[in-house]
C-alpha cells in the first residue's frame, strides 16, 4: 500500500536548506529592531516599513523563483541553474514564512479586530 523511501534519497546538497540559521538571524534582527523601536532609537514607521519590505522581498523572490522553476519543469529545461533556483526558492520561502509571522505580530491588534468582525458577522 505505502512505499518506503530510503532516507539516503533525501540527503545531499540539494536539500541542505538553512531553516534554523535563517530563522534565528531573522528572529534576532526582529527582536533587535523591536527593542530599538520601543527604546525610541528608530520610529515606528521605519520599523514597520523595514519588516514590510522584508516580507515583500520574501514573497517576490519566492514568486519569481517559483515561476522560473515552473518554466524549467514545464518546458523540460535542465541546466546547471535548476538546483540553484530550487535552493533560493526554498530559502526565500523560509524568509517569507518567518516574515509573515513577524507581520502578524506587528499588526496583531488590527488582525484580531478583523477576526472579531468575522465572528460577529457569522452569528
PDB file of N, CA and C in Angstrom:
ATOM      1  N   UNK A   1       0.823  -1.186   0.000  1.00  0.00           N
ATOM      2  CA  UNK A   1       0.000   0.000   0.000  1.00  0.00           C
ATOM      3  C   UNK A   1       0.869   1.253   0.000  1.00  0.00           C
ATOM      4  N   UNK A   2       1.749   1.377   0.980  1.00  0.00           N
ATOM      5  CA  UNK A   2       2.663   2.514   1.039  1.00  0.00           C
ATOM      6  C   UNK A   2       4.053   2.050   0.665  1.00  0.00           C
ATOM      7  N   UNK A   3       4.752   2.881  -0.069  1.00  0.00           N
ATOM      8  CA  UNK A   3       6.104   2.544  -0.474  1.00  0.00           C
ATOM      9  C   UNK A   3       7.070   3.300   0.432  1.00  0.00           C
ATOM     10  N   UNK A   4       8.020   2.603   0.992  1.00  0.00           N
ATOM     11  CA  UNK A   4       9.019   3.268   1.821  1.00  0.00           C
ATOM     12  C   UNK A   4      10.138   3.793   0.946  1.00  0.00           C
ATOM     13  N   UNK A   5      10.597   4.971   1.294  1.00  0.00           N
ATOM     14  CA  UNK A   5      11.669   5.603   0.537  1.00  0.00           C
ATOM     15  C   UNK A   5      12.882   5.662   1.449  1.00  0.00           C
ATOM     16  N   UNK A   6      14.034   5.201   0.980  1.00  0.00           N
ATOM     17  CA  UNK A   6      15.226   5.241   1.832  1.00  0.00           C
ATOM     18  C   UNK A   6      15.590   6.675   2.213  1.00  0.00           C
ATOM     19  N   UNK A   7      16.075   6.829   3.428  1.00  0.00           N
ATOM     20  CA  UNK A   7      16.451   8.141   3.936  1.00  0.00           C
ATOM     21  C   UNK A   7      17.564   8.751   3.100  1.00  0.00           C
ATOM     22  N   UNK A   8      18.434   7.923   2.542  1.00  0.00           N
ATOM     23  CA  UNK A   8      19.553   8.431   1.744  1.00  0.00           C
ATOM     24  C   UNK A   8      19.070   9.251   0.554  1.00  0.00           C
ATOM     25  N   UNK A   9      17.876   8.946   0.034  1.00  0.00           N
ATOM     26  CA  UNK A   9      17.401   9.663  -1.140  1.00  0.00           C
ATOM     27  C   UNK A   9      17.014  11.103  -0.823  1.00  0.00           C
ATOM     28  N   UNK A  10      16.864  11.445   0.464  1.00  0.00           N
ATOM     29  CA  UNK A  10      16.525  12.805   0.848  1.00  0.00           C
ATOM     30  C   UNK A  10      17.733  13.626   1.270  1.00  0.00           C
ATOM     31  N   UNK A  11      18.881  13.013   1.320  1.00  0.00           N
ATOM     32  CA  UNK A  11      20.073  13.748   1.749  1.00  0.00           C
ATOM     33  C   UNK A  11      20.836  14.234   0.528  1.00  0.00           C
ATOM     34  N   UNK A  12      21.720  15.160   0.770  1.00  0.00           N
ATOM     35  CA  UNK A  12      22.530  15.675  -0.322  1.00  0.00           C
ATOM     36  C   UNK A  12      22.482  17.180  -0.366  1.00  0.00           C
ATOM     37  N   UNK A  13      23.296  17.781  -1.218  1.00  0.00           N
ATOM     38  CA  UNK A  13      23.384  19.238  -1.255  1.00  0.00           C
ATOM     39  C   UNK A  13      22.091  19.909  -1.709  1.00  0.00           C
ATOM     40  N   UNK A  14      21.264  19.203  -2.496  1.00  0.00           N
ATOM     41  CA  UNK A  14      20.046  19.822  -2.990  1.00  0.00           C
ATOM     42  C   UNK A  14      18.986  20.004  -1.902  1.00  0.00           C
ATOM     43  N   UNK A  15      19.124  19.344  -0.754  1.00  0.00           N
ATOM     44  CA  UNK A  15      18.159  19.509   0.325  1.00  0.00           C
ATOM     45  C   UNK A  15      18.800  20.121   1.568  1.00  0.00           C
ATOM     46  N   UNK A  16      19.942  20.723   1.408  1.00  0.00           N
ATOM     47  CA  UNK A  16      20.648  21.308   2.552  1.00  0.00           C
ATOM     48  C   UNK A  16      20.215  22.764   2.729  1.00  0.00           C
ATOM     49  N   UNK A  17      18.988  22.943   3.242  1.00  0.00           N
ATOM     50  CA  UNK A  17      18.467  24.286   3.451  1.00  0.00           C
ATOM     51  C   UNK A  17      18.793  24.745   4.868  1.00  0.00           C
ATOM     52  N   UNK A  18      18.807  26.041   5.073  1.00  0.00           N
ATOM     53  CA  UNK A  18      19.257  26.614   6.342  1.00  0.00           C
ATOM     54  C   UNK A  18      18.080  27.164   7.144  1.00  0.00           C
ATOM     55  N   UNK A  19      17.159  26.297   7.507  1.00  0.00           N
ATOM     56  CA  UNK A  19      15.955  26.701   8.225  1.00  0.00           C
ATOM     57  C   UNK A  19      16.284  27.345   9.565  1.00  0.00           C
ATOM     58  N   UNK A  20      17.065  26.681  10.387  1.00  0.00           N
ATOM     59  CA  UNK A  20      17.341  27.185  11.734  1.00  0.00           C
ATOM     60  C   UNK A  20      18.218  28.434  11.702  1.00  0.00           C
ATOM     61  N   UNK A  21      19.350  28.467  10.978  1.00  0.00           N
ATOM     62  CA  UNK A  21      20.147  29.701  10.970  1.00  0.00           C
ATOM     63  C   UNK A  21      19.389  30.907  10.424  1.00  0.00           C
ATOM     64  N   UNK A  22      18.654  30.720   9.324  1.00  0.00           N
ATOM     65  CA  UNK A  22      17.907  31.837   8.744  1.00  0.00           C
ATOM     66  C   UNK A  22      16.838  32.308   9.724  1.00  0.00           C
ATOM     67  N   UNK A  23      16.138  31.367  10.350  1.00  0.00           N
ATOM     68  CA  UNK A  23      15.101  31.721  11.324  1.00  0.00           C
ATOM     69  C   UNK A  23      15.685  32.463  12.518  1.00  0.00           C
ATOM     70  N   UNK A  24      16.816  32.000  13.007  1.00  0.00           N
ATOM     71  CA  UNK A  24      17.442  32.664  14.159  1.00  0.00           C
ATOM     72  C   UNK A  24      17.943  34.061  13.802  1.00  0.00           C
ATOM     73  N   UNK A  25      18.521  34.210  12.624  1.00  0.00           N
ATOM     74  CA  UNK A  25      19.021  35.526  12.206  1.00  0.00           C
ATOM     75  C   UNK A  25      17.861  36.506  12.042  1.00  0.00           C
ATOM     76  N   UNK A  26      16.801  36.076  11.356  1.00  0.00           N
ATOM     77  CA  UNK A  26      15.657  36.963  11.159  1.00  0.00           C
ATOM     78  C   UNK A  26      14.974  37.262  12.487  1.00  0.00           C
ATOM     79  N   UNK A  27      14.810  36.244  13.328  1.00  0.00           N
ATOM     80  CA  UNK A  27      14.203  36.446  14.647  1.00  0.00           C
ATOM     81  C   UNK A  27      15.026  37.383  15.511  1.00  0.00           C
ATOM     82  N   UNK A  28      16.344  37.214  15.495  1.00  0.00           N
ATOM     83  CA  UNK A  28      17.229  38.108  16.253  1.00  0.00           C
ATOM     84  C   UNK A  28      17.175  39.532  15.747  1.00  0.00           C
ATOM     85  N   UNK A  29      17.155  39.694  14.430  1.00  0.00           N
ATOM     86  CA  UNK A  29      17.054  41.039  13.841  1.00  0.00           C
ATOM     87  C   UNK A  29      15.724  41.678  14.213  1.00  0.00           C
ATOM     88  N   UNK A  30      14.663  40.873  14.237  1.00  0.00           N
ATOM     89  CA  UNK A  30      13.358  41.404  14.620  1.00  0.00           C
ATOM     90  C   UNK A  30      13.365  41.872  16.076  1.00  0.00           C
ATOM     91  N   UNK A  31      13.901  41.047  16.954  1.00  0.00           N
ATOM     92  CA  UNK A  31      13.953  41.440  18.372  1.00  0.00           C
ATOM     93  C   UNK A  31      14.807  42.687  18.566  1.00  0.00           C
ATOM     94  N   UNK A  32      15.897  42.805  17.820  1.00  0.00           N
ATOM     95  CA  UNK A  32      16.749  43.985  17.911  1.00  0.00           C
ATOM     96  C   UNK A  32      16.002  45.232  17.453  1.00  0.00           C
ATOM     97  N   UNK A  33      15.332  45.146  16.298  1.00  0.00           N
ATOM     98  CA  UNK A  33      14.605  46.322  15.806  1.00  0.00           C
ATOM     99  C   UNK A  33      13.407  46.648  16.694  1.00  0.00           C
ATOM    100  N   UNK A  34      12.779  45.632  17.280  1.00  0.00           N
ATOM    101  CA  UNK A  34      11.682  45.873  18.224  1.00  0.00           C
ATOM    102  C   UNK A  34      12.199  46.626  19.445  1.00  0.00           C
ATOM    103  N   UNK A  35      13.357  46.205  19.956  1.00  0.00           N
ATOM    104  CA  UNK A  35      13.975  46.897  21.090  1.00  0.00           C
ATOM    105  C   UNK A  35      14.322  48.344  20.715  1.00  0.00           C
ATOM    106  N   UNK A  36      14.930  48.531  19.532  1.00  0.00           N
ATOM    107  CA  UNK A  36      15.302  49.883  19.093  1.00  0.00           C
ATOM    108  C   UNK A  36      14.076  50.780  18.932  1.00  0.00           C
ATOM    109  N   UNK A  37      12.984  50.210  18.451  1.00  0.00           N
ATOM    110  CA  UNK A  37      11.763  50.987  18.271  1.00  0.00           C
ATOM    111  C   UNK A  37      11.149  51.346  19.629  1.00  0.00           C
ATOM    112  N   UNK A  38      11.080  50.396  20.512  1.00  0.00           N
ATOM    113  CA  UNK A  38      10.488  50.656  21.836  1.00  0.00           C
ATOM    114  C   UNK A  38      11.362  51.571  22.680  1.00  0.00           C
ATOM    115  N   UNK A  39      12.664  51.586  22.419  1.00  0.00           N
ATOM    116  CA  UNK A  39      13.574  52.481  23.143  1.00  0.00           C
ATOM    117  C   UNK A  39      13.610  53.876  22.545  1.00  0.00           C
ATOM    118  N   UNK A  40      13.019  54.056  21.380  1.00  0.00           N
ATOM    119  CA  UNK A  40      12.967  55.361  20.749  1.00  0.00           C
ATOM    120  C   UNK A  40      14.119  55.663  19.808  1.00  0.00           C
ATOM    121  N   UNK A  41      14.952  54.684  19.531  1.00  0.00           N
ATOM    122  CA  UNK A  41      16.078  54.902  18.614  1.00  0.00           C
ATOM    123  C   UNK A  41      15.632  54.968  17.160  1.00  0.00           C
ATOM    124  N   UNK A  42      14.578  54.240  16.822  1.00  0.00           N
ATOM    125  CA  UNK A  42      14.004  54.324  15.473  1.00  0.00           C
ATOM    126  C   UNK A  42      12.498  54.549  15.605  1.00  0.00           C
ATOM    127  N   UNK A  43      11.929  55.202  14.594  1.00  0.00           N
ATOM    128  CA  UNK A  43      10.485  55.475  14.608  1.00  0.00           C
ATOM    129  C   UNK A  43       9.712  54.197  14.281  1.00  0.00           C
ATOM    130  N   UNK A  44       8.486  54.148  14.734  1.00  0.00           N
ATOM    131  CA  UNK A  44       7.622  53.009  14.457  1.00  0.00           C
ATOM    132  C   UNK A  44       7.368  52.828  12.972  1.00  0.00           C
ATOM    133  N   UNK A  45       7.271  53.949  12.243  1.00  0.00           N
ATOM    134  CA  UNK A  45       7.027  53.854  10.800  1.00  0.00           C
ATOM    135  C   UNK A  45       8.212  53.205  10.079  1.00  0.00           C
ATOM    136  N   UNK A  46       9.439  53.525  10.499  1.00  0.00           N
ATOM    137  CA  UNK A  46      10.627  52.908   9.906  1.00  0.00           C
ATOM    138  C   UNK A  46      10.665  51.412  10.228  1.00  0.00           C
ATOM    139  N   UNK A  47      10.355  51.087  11.452  1.00  0.00           N
ATOM    140  CA  UNK A  47      10.323  49.698  11.919  1.00  0.00           C
ATOM    141  C   UNK A  47       9.331  48.881  11.081  1.00  0.00           C
ATOM    142  N   UNK A  48       8.106  49.387  10.910  1.00  0.00           N
ATOM    143  CA  UNK A  48       7.098  48.679  10.126  1.00  0.00           C
ATOM    144  C   UNK A  48       7.495  48.599   8.652  1.00  0.00           C
ATOM    145  N   UNK A  49       8.035  49.694   8.115  1.00  0.00           N
ATOM    146  CA  UNK A  49       8.457  49.713   6.712  1.00  0.00           C
ATOM    147  C   UNK A  49       9.551  48.683   6.460  1.00  0.00           C
ATOM    148  N   UNK A  50      10.510  48.591   7.368  1.00  0.00           N
ATOM    149  CA  UNK A  50      11.604  47.624   7.243  1.00  0.00           C
ATOM    150  C   UNK A  50      11.066  46.196   7.153  1.00  0.00           C
ATOM    151  N   UNK A  51      10.159  45.840   8.062  1.00  0.00           N
ATOM    152  CA  UNK A  51       9.660  44.474   8.078  1.00  0.00           C
ATOM    153  C   UNK A  51       8.666  44.204   6.962  1.00  0.00           C
ATOM    154  N   UNK A  52       7.937  45.233   6.521  1.00  0.00           N
ATOM    155  CA  UNK A  52       7.068  45.057   5.351  1.00  0.00           C
ATOM    156  C   UNK A  52       7.905  44.832   4.098  1.00  0.00           C
ATOM    157  N   UNK A  53       9.047  45.528   3.984  1.00  0.00           N
ATOM    158  CA  UNK A  53       9.935  45.336   2.837  1.00  0.00           C
ATOM    159  C   UNK A  53      10.539  43.928   2.849  1.00  0.00           C
ATOM    160  N   UNK A  54      10.932  43.455   4.024  1.00  0.00           N
ATOM    161  CA  UNK A  54      11.489  42.107   4.125  1.00  0.00           C
ATOM    162  C   UNK A  54      10.450  41.079   3.669  1.00  0.00           C
ATOM    163  N   UNK A  55       9.212  41.258   4.092  1.00  0.00           N
ATOM    164  CA  UNK A  55       8.148  40.350   3.691  1.00  0.00           C
ATOM    165  C   UNK A  55       7.912  40.432   2.180  1.00  0.00           C
ATOM    166  N   UNK A  56       7.943  41.636   1.639  1.00  0.00           N
ATOM    167  CA  UNK A  56       7.762  41.825   0.197  1.00  0.00           C
ATOM    168  C   UNK A  56       8.875  41.135  -0.584  1.00  0.00           C
ATOM    169  N   UNK A  57      10.121  41.269  -0.129  1.00  0.00           N
ATOM    170  CA  UNK A  57      11.254  40.606  -0.788  1.00  0.00           C
ATOM    171  C   UNK A  57      11.073  39.085  -0.740  1.00  0.00           C
ATOM    172  N   UNK A  58      10.627  38.571   0.397  1.00  0.00           N
ATOM    173  CA  UNK A  58      10.391  37.131   0.513  1.00  0.00           C
ATOM    174  C   UNK A  58       9.331  36.641  -0.451  1.00  0.00           C
ATOM    175  N   UNK A  59       8.190  37.350  -0.497  1.00  0.00           N
ATOM    176  CA  UNK A  59       7.114  36.953  -1.396  1.00  0.00           C
ATOM    177  C   UNK A  59       7.531  37.092  -2.861  1.00  0.00           C
ATOM    178  N   UNK A  60       8.143  38.219  -3.214  1.00  0.00           N
ATOM    179  CA  UNK A  60       8.551  38.441  -4.604  1.00  0.00           C
ATOM    180  C   UNK A  60       9.611  37.418  -5.027  1.00  0.00           C
ATOM    181  N   UNK A  61      10.591  37.196  -4.176  1.00  0.00           N
ATOM    182  CA  UNK A  61      11.650  36.238  -4.506  1.00  0.00           C
ATOM    183  C   UNK A  61      11.126  34.826  -4.645  1.00  0.00           C
ATOM    184  N   UNK A  62      10.226  34.430  -3.735  1.00  0.00           N
ATOM    185  CA  UNK A  62       9.644  33.097  -3.824  1.00  0.00           C
ATOM    186  C   UNK A  62       8.800  32.975  -5.090  1.00  0.00           C
ATOM    187  N   UNK A  63       8.061  34.023  -5.403  1.00  0.00           N
ATOM    188  CA  UNK A  63       7.229  34.002  -6.612  1.00  0.00           C
ATOM    189  C   UNK A  63       8.046  33.931  -7.887  1.00  0.00           C
ATOM    190  N   UNK A  64       9.077  34.750  -7.969  1.00  0.00           N
ATOM    191  CA  UNK A  64       9.921  34.771  -9.178  1.00  0.00           C
ATOM    192  C   UNK A  64      10.638  33.439  -9.364  1.00  0.00           C
ATOM    193  N   UNK A  65      11.231  32.924  -8.289  1.00  0.00           N
ATOM    194  CA  UNK A  65      11.927  31.638  -8.417  1.00  0.00           C
ATOM    195  C   UNK A  65      10.929  30.509  -8.682  1.00  0.00           C
ATOM    196  N   UNK A  66       9.726  30.615  -8.124  1.00  0.00           N
ATOM    197  CA  UNK A  66       8.695  29.614  -8.398  1.00  0.00           C
ATOM    198  C   UNK A  66       8.286  29.613  -9.859  1.00  0.00           C
ATOM    199  N   UNK A  67       8.146  30.806 -10.443  1.00  0.00           N
ATOM    200  CA  UNK A  67       7.807  30.904 -11.872  1.00  0.00           C
ATOM    201  C   UNK A  67       8.947  30.330 -12.723  1.00  0.00           C
ATOM    202  N   UNK A  68      10.187  30.640 -12.359  1.00  0.00           N
ATOM    203  CA  UNK A  68      11.327  30.070 -13.088  1.00  0.00           C
ATOM    204  C   UNK A  68      11.313  28.540 -13.018  1.00  0.00           C
ATOM    205  N   UNK A  69      11.061  28.003 -11.824  1.00  0.00           N
ATOM    206  CA  UNK A  69      11.008  26.544 -11.680  1.00  0.00           C
ATOM    207  C   UNK A  69       9.867  25.952 -12.504  1.00  0.00           C
ATOM    208  N   UNK A  70       8.736  26.629 -12.511  1.00  0.00           N
ATOM    209  CA  UNK A  70       7.604  26.170 -13.304  1.00  0.00           C
ATOM    210  C   UNK A  70       7.966  26.128 -14.789  1.00  0.00           C
ATOM    211  N   UNK A  71       8.618  27.163 -15.261  1.00  0.00           N
ATOM    212  CA  UNK A  71       9.050  27.208 -16.664  1.00  0.00           C
ATOM    213  C   UNK A  71      10.051  26.087 -16.950  1.00  0.00           C
ATOM    214  N   UNK A  72      11.037  25.925 -16.053  1.00  0.00           N
ATOM    215  CA  UNK A  72      12.034  24.868 -16.249  1.00  0.00           C
ATOM    216  C   UNK A  72      11.369  23.492 -16.318  1.00  0.00           C
ATOM    217  N   UNK A  73      10.418  23.238 -15.415  1.00  0.00           N
ATOM    218  CA  UNK A  73       9.786  21.919 -15.357  1.00  0.00           C
ATOM    219  C   UNK A  73       8.871  21.698 -16.557  1.00  0.00           C
ATOM    220  N   UNK A  74       8.020  22.676 -16.854  1.00  0.00           N
ATOM    221  CA  UNK A  74       7.046  22.516 -17.938  1.00  0.00           C
ATOM    222  C   UNK A  74       7.713  22.406 -19.319  1.00  0.00           C
ATOM    223  N   UNK A  75       8.808  23.126 -19.504  1.00  0.00           N
ATOM    224  CA  UNK A  75       9.497  23.085 -20.790  1.00  0.00           C
ATOM    225  C   UNK A  75      10.607  22.044 -20.834  1.00  0.00           C
ATOM    226  N   UNK A  76      10.829  21.367 -19.716  1.00  0.00           N
ATOM    227  CA  UNK A  76      11.856  20.328 -19.670  1.00  0.00           C
ATOM    228  C   UNK A  76      13.265  20.874 -19.763  1.00  0.00           C
ATOM    229  N   UNK A  77      13.468  22.095 -19.288  1.00  0.00           N
ATOM    230  CA  UNK A  77      14.792  22.712 -19.345  1.00  0.00           C
ATOM    231  C   UNK A  77      15.635  22.194 -18.190  1.00  0.00           C
ATOM    232  N   UNK A  78      16.779  21.631 -18.517  1.00  0.00           N
ATOM    233  CA  UNK A  78      17.698  21.142 -17.483  1.00  0.00           C
ATOM    234  C   UNK A  78      19.016  21.861 -17.655  1.00  0.00           C
ATOM    235  N   UNK A  79      19.305  22.749 -16.712  1.00  0.00           N
ATOM    236  CA  UNK A  79      20.564  23.494 -16.749  1.00  0.00           C
ATOM    237  C   UNK A  79      21.224  23.396 -15.387  1.00  0.00           C
ATOM    238  N   UNK A  80      22.419  23.937 -15.303  1.00  0.00           N
ATOM    239  CA  UNK A  80      23.113  23.992 -14.021  1.00  0.00           C
ATOM    240  C   UNK A  80      22.428  24.976 -13.083  1.00  0.00           C
ATOM    241  N   UNK A  81      21.533  25.805 -13.615  1.00  0.00           N
ATOM    242  CA  UNK A  81      20.823  26.801 -12.816  1.00  0.00           C
ATOM    243  C   UNK A  81      19.690  26.192 -11.989  1.00  0.00           C
ATOM    244  N   UNK A  82      19.139  25.052 -12.409  1.00  0.00           N
ATOM    245  CA  UNK A  82      17.985  24.457 -11.729  1.00  0.00           C
ATOM    246  C   UNK A  82      18.183  24.237 -10.229  1.00  0.00           C
ATOM    247  N   UNK A  83      19.261  23.582  -9.780  1.00  0.00           N
ATOM    248  CA  UNK A  83      19.429  23.382  -8.341  1.00  0.00           C
ATOM    249  C   UNK A  83      19.588  24.700  -7.583  1.00  0.00           C
ATOM    250  N   UNK A  84      20.223  25.673  -8.201  1.00  0.00           N
ATOM    251  CA  UNK A  84      20.414  26.964  -7.560  1.00  0.00           C
ATOM    252  C   UNK A  84      19.076  27.685  -7.379  1.00  0.00           C
ATOM    253  N   UNK A  85      18.244  27.643  -8.399  1.00  0.00           N
ATOM    254  CA  UNK A  85      16.921  28.283  -8.313  1.00  0.00           C
ATOM    255  C   UNK A  85      16.070  27.571  -7.266  1.00  0.00           C
ATOM    256  N   UNK A  86      16.133  26.252  -7.228  1.00  0.00           N
ATOM    257  CA  UNK A  86      15.392  25.486  -6.219  1.00  0.00           C
ATOM    258  C   UNK A  86      15.861  25.857  -4.816  1.00  0.00           C
ATOM    259  N   UNK A  87      17.164  25.964  -4.639  1.00  0.00           N
ATOM    260  CA  UNK A  87      17.725  26.324  -3.334  1.00  0.00           C
ATOM    261  C   UNK A  87      17.214  27.703  -2.898  1.00  0.00           C
ATOM    262  N   UNK A  88      17.307  28.703  -3.774  1.00  0.00           N
ATOM    263  CA  UNK A  88      16.886  30.049  -3.399  1.00  0.00           C
ATOM    264  C   UNK A  88      15.381  30.148  -3.229  1.00  0.00           C
ATOM    265  N   UNK A  89      14.641  29.337  -3.948  1.00  0.00           N
ATOM    266  CA  UNK A  89      13.193  29.292  -3.767  1.00  0.00           C
ATOM    267  C   UNK A  89      12.864  28.845  -2.341  1.00  0.00           C
ATOM    268  N   UNK A  90      13.540  27.808  -1.876  1.00  0.00           N
ATOM    269  CA  UNK A  90      13.302  27.304  -0.522  1.00  0.00           C
ATOM    270  C   UNK A  90      13.787  28.292   0.535  1.00  0.00           C
ATOM    271  N   UNK A  91      14.957  28.880   0.338  1.00  0.00           N
ATOM    272  CA  UNK A  91      15.482  29.838   1.320  1.00  0.00           C
ATOM    273  C   UNK A  91      14.576  31.068   1.432  1.00  0.00           C
ATOM    274  N   UNK A  92      14.105  31.576   0.298  1.00  0.00           N
ATOM    275  CA  UNK A  92      13.211  32.736   0.328  1.00  0.00           C
ATOM    276  C   UNK A  92      11.851  32.368   0.900  1.00  0.00           C
ATOM    277  N   UNK A  93      11.431  31.128   0.736  1.00  0.00           N
ATOM    278  CA  UNK A  93      10.183  30.679   1.352  1.00  0.00           C
ATOM    279  C   UNK A  93      10.311  30.672   2.873  1.00  0.00           C
ATOM    280  N   UNK A  94      11.475  30.300   3.391  1.00  0.00           N
ATOM    281  CA  UNK A  94      11.719  30.364   4.837  1.00  0.00           C
ATOM    282  C   UNK A  94      11.614  31.805   5.298  1.00  0.00           C
ATOM    283  N   UNK A  95      12.267  32.718   4.574  1.00  0.00           N
ATOM    284  CA  UNK A  95      12.189  34.148   4.902  1.00  0.00           C
ATOM    285  C   UNK A  95      10.734  34.616   4.864  1.00  0.00           C
ATOM    286  N   UNK A  96       9.976  34.161   3.895  1.00  0.00           N
ATOM    287  CA  UNK A  96       8.586  34.566   3.741  1.00  0.00           C
ATOM    288  C   UNK A  96       7.743  34.089   4.927  1.00  0.00           C
ATOM    289  N   UNK A  97       7.921  32.869   5.360  1.00  0.00           N
ATOM    290  CA  UNK A  97       7.139  32.335   6.480  1.00  0.00           C
ATOM    291  C   UNK A  97       7.473  33.072   7.765  1.00  0.00           C
ATOM    292  N   UNK A  98       8.758  33.266   8.055  1.00  0.00           N
ATOM    293  CA  UNK A  98       9.157  33.989   9.262  1.00  0.00           C
ATOM    294  C   UNK A  98       8.673  35.435   9.172  1.00  0.00           C
ATOM    295  N   UNK A  99       8.799  36.042   7.995  1.00  0.00           N
ATOM    296  CA  UNK A  99       8.319  37.409   7.797  1.00  0.00           C
ATOM    297  C   UNK A  99       6.822  37.536   7.998  1.00  0.00           C
ATOM    298  N   UNK A 100       6.063  36.529   7.575  1.00  0.00           N
ATOM    299  CA  UNK A 100       4.617  36.537   7.765  1.00  0.00           C
ATOM    300  C   UNK A 100       4.263  36.467   9.250  1.00  0.00           C
ATOM    301  N   UNK A 101       4.978  35.651  10.005  1.00  0.00           N
ATOM    302  CA  UNK A 101       4.745  35.576  11.452  1.00  0.00           C
ATOM    303  C   UNK A 101       5.068  36.910  12.122  1.00  0.00           C
ATOM    304  N   UNK A 102       6.160  37.542  11.701  1.00  0.00           N
ATOM    305  CA  UNK A 102       6.527  38.856  12.236  1.00  0.00           C
ATOM    306  C   UNK A 102       5.466  39.884  11.869  1.00  0.00           C
ATOM    307  N   UNK A 103       4.993  39.838  10.627  1.00  0.00           N
ATOM    308  CA  UNK A 103       3.958  40.754  10.169  1.00  0.00           C
ATOM    309  C   UNK A 103       2.679  40.598  11.012  1.00  0.00           C
ATOM    310  N   UNK A 104       2.309  39.355  11.299  1.00  0.00           N
ATOM    311  CA  UNK A 104       1.133  39.103  12.137  1.00  0.00           C
ATOM    312  C   UNK A 104       1.349  39.658  13.545  1.00  0.00           C
ATOM    313  N   UNK A 105       2.573  39.573  14.058  1.00  0.00           N
ATOM    314  CA  UNK A 105       2.870  40.118  15.385  1.00  0.00           C
ATOM    315  C   UNK A 105       2.783  41.643  15.383  1.00  0.00           C
ATOM    316  N   UNK A 106       3.325  42.271  14.358  1.00  0.00           N
ATOM    317  CA  UNK A 106       3.304  43.737  14.273  1.00  0.00           C
ATOM    318  C   UNK A 106       1.870  44.247  14.165  1.00  0.00           C
ATOM    319  N   UNK A 107       1.059  43.586  13.368  1.00  0.00           N
ATOM    320  CA  UNK A 107      -0.313  44.036  13.121  1.00  0.00           C
ATOM    321  C   UNK A 107      -1.327  43.179  13.876  1.00  0.00           C
ATOM    322  N   UNK A 108      -0.975  42.742  15.083  1.00  0.00           N
ATOM    323  CA  UNK A 108      -1.827  41.841  15.845  1.00  0.00           C
ATOM    324  C   UNK A 108      -3.186  42.468  16.194  1.00  0.00           C
ATOM    325  N   UNK A 109      -3.188  43.720  16.636  1.00  0.00           N
ATOM    326  CA  UNK A 109      -4.461  44.348  17.034  1.00  0.00           C
ATOM    327  C   UNK A 109      -5.430  44.464  15.863  1.00  0.00           C
ATOM    328  N   UNK A 110      -5.010  45.000  14.708  1.00  0.00           N
ATOM    329  CA  UNK A 110      -5.948  45.025  13.580  1.00  0.00           C
ATOM    330  C   UNK A 110      -6.372  43.625  13.122  1.00  0.00           C
ATOM    331  N   UNK A 111      -5.447  42.675  13.181  1.00  0.00           N
ATOM    332  CA  UNK A 111      -5.755  41.308  12.786  1.00  0.00           C
ATOM    333  C   UNK A 111      -6.805  40.712  13.713  1.00  0.00           C
ATOM    334  N   UNK A 112      -6.639  40.946  15.010  1.00  0.00           N
ATOM    335  CA  UNK A 112      -7.599  40.457  15.993  1.00  0.00           C
ATOM    336  C   UNK A 112      -8.966  41.098  15.763  1.00  0.00           C
ATOM    337  N   UNK A 113      -8.971  42.393  15.434  1.00  0.00           N
ATOM    338  CA  UNK A 113     -10.219  43.092  15.149  1.00  0.00           C
ATOM    339  C   UNK A 113     -10.932  42.524  13.931  1.00  0.00           C
ATOM    340  N   UNK A 114     -10.166  42.143  12.895  1.00  0.00           N
ATOM    341  CA  UNK A 114     -10.769  41.554  11.705  1.00  0.00           C
ATOM    342  C   UNK A 114     -11.429  40.212  12.036  1.00  0.00           C
ATOM    343  N   UNK A 115     -10.745  39.386  12.849  1.00  0.00           N
ATOM    344  CA  UNK A 115     -11.332  38.122  13.230  1.00  0.00           C
ATOM    345  C   UNK A 115     -12.575  38.314  14.084  1.00  0.00           C
ATOM    346  N   UNK A 116     -12.545  39.322  14.939  1.00  0.00           N
ATOM    347  CA  UNK A 116     -13.713  39.639  15.757  1.00  0.00           C
ATOM    348  C   UNK A 116     -14.901  40.015  14.881  1.00  0.00           C
ATOM    349  N   UNK A 117     -14.643  40.810  13.828  1.00  0.00           N
ATOM    350  CA  UNK A 117     -15.690  41.190  12.883  1.00  0.00           C
ATOM    351  C   UNK A 117     -16.242  39.946  12.150  1.00  0.00           C
ATOM    352  N   UNK A 118     -15.366  39.034  11.784  1.00  0.00           N
ATOM    353  CA  UNK A 118     -15.805  37.817  11.105  1.00  0.00           C
ATOM    354  C   UNK A 118     -16.712  36.980  11.990  1.00  0.00           C
ATOM    355  N   UNK A 119     -16.338  36.867  13.263  1.00  0.00           N
ATOM    356  CA  UNK A 119     -17.127  36.069  14.202  1.00  0.00           C
ATOM    357  C   UNK A 119     -18.488  36.727  14.431  1.00  0.00           C
ATOM    358  N   UNK A 120     -18.508  38.051  14.590  1.00  0.00           N
ATOM    359  CA  UNK A 120     -19.783  38.767  14.778  1.00  0.00           C
ATOM    360  C   UNK A 120     -20.669  38.626  13.551  1.00  0.00           C
ATOM    361  N   UNK A 121     -20.070  38.730  12.372  1.00  0.00           N
ATOM    362  CA  UNK A 121     -20.834  38.635  11.127  1.00  0.00           C
ATOM    363  C   UNK A 121     -21.395  37.249  10.890  1.00  0.00           C
ATOM    364  N   UNK A 122     -20.725  36.221  11.397  1.00  0.00           N
ATOM    365  CA  UNK A 122     -21.171  34.833  11.190  1.00  0.00           C
ATOM    366  C   UNK A 122     -22.324  34.472  12.117  1.00  0.00           C
ATOM    367  N   UNK A 123     -22.450  35.161  13.257  1.00  0.00           N
ATOM    368  CA  UNK A 123     -23.510  34.774  14.199  1.00  0.00           C
ATOM    369  C   UNK A 123     -24.769  35.569  14.049  1.00  0.00           C
TER     370      UNK A 123
END
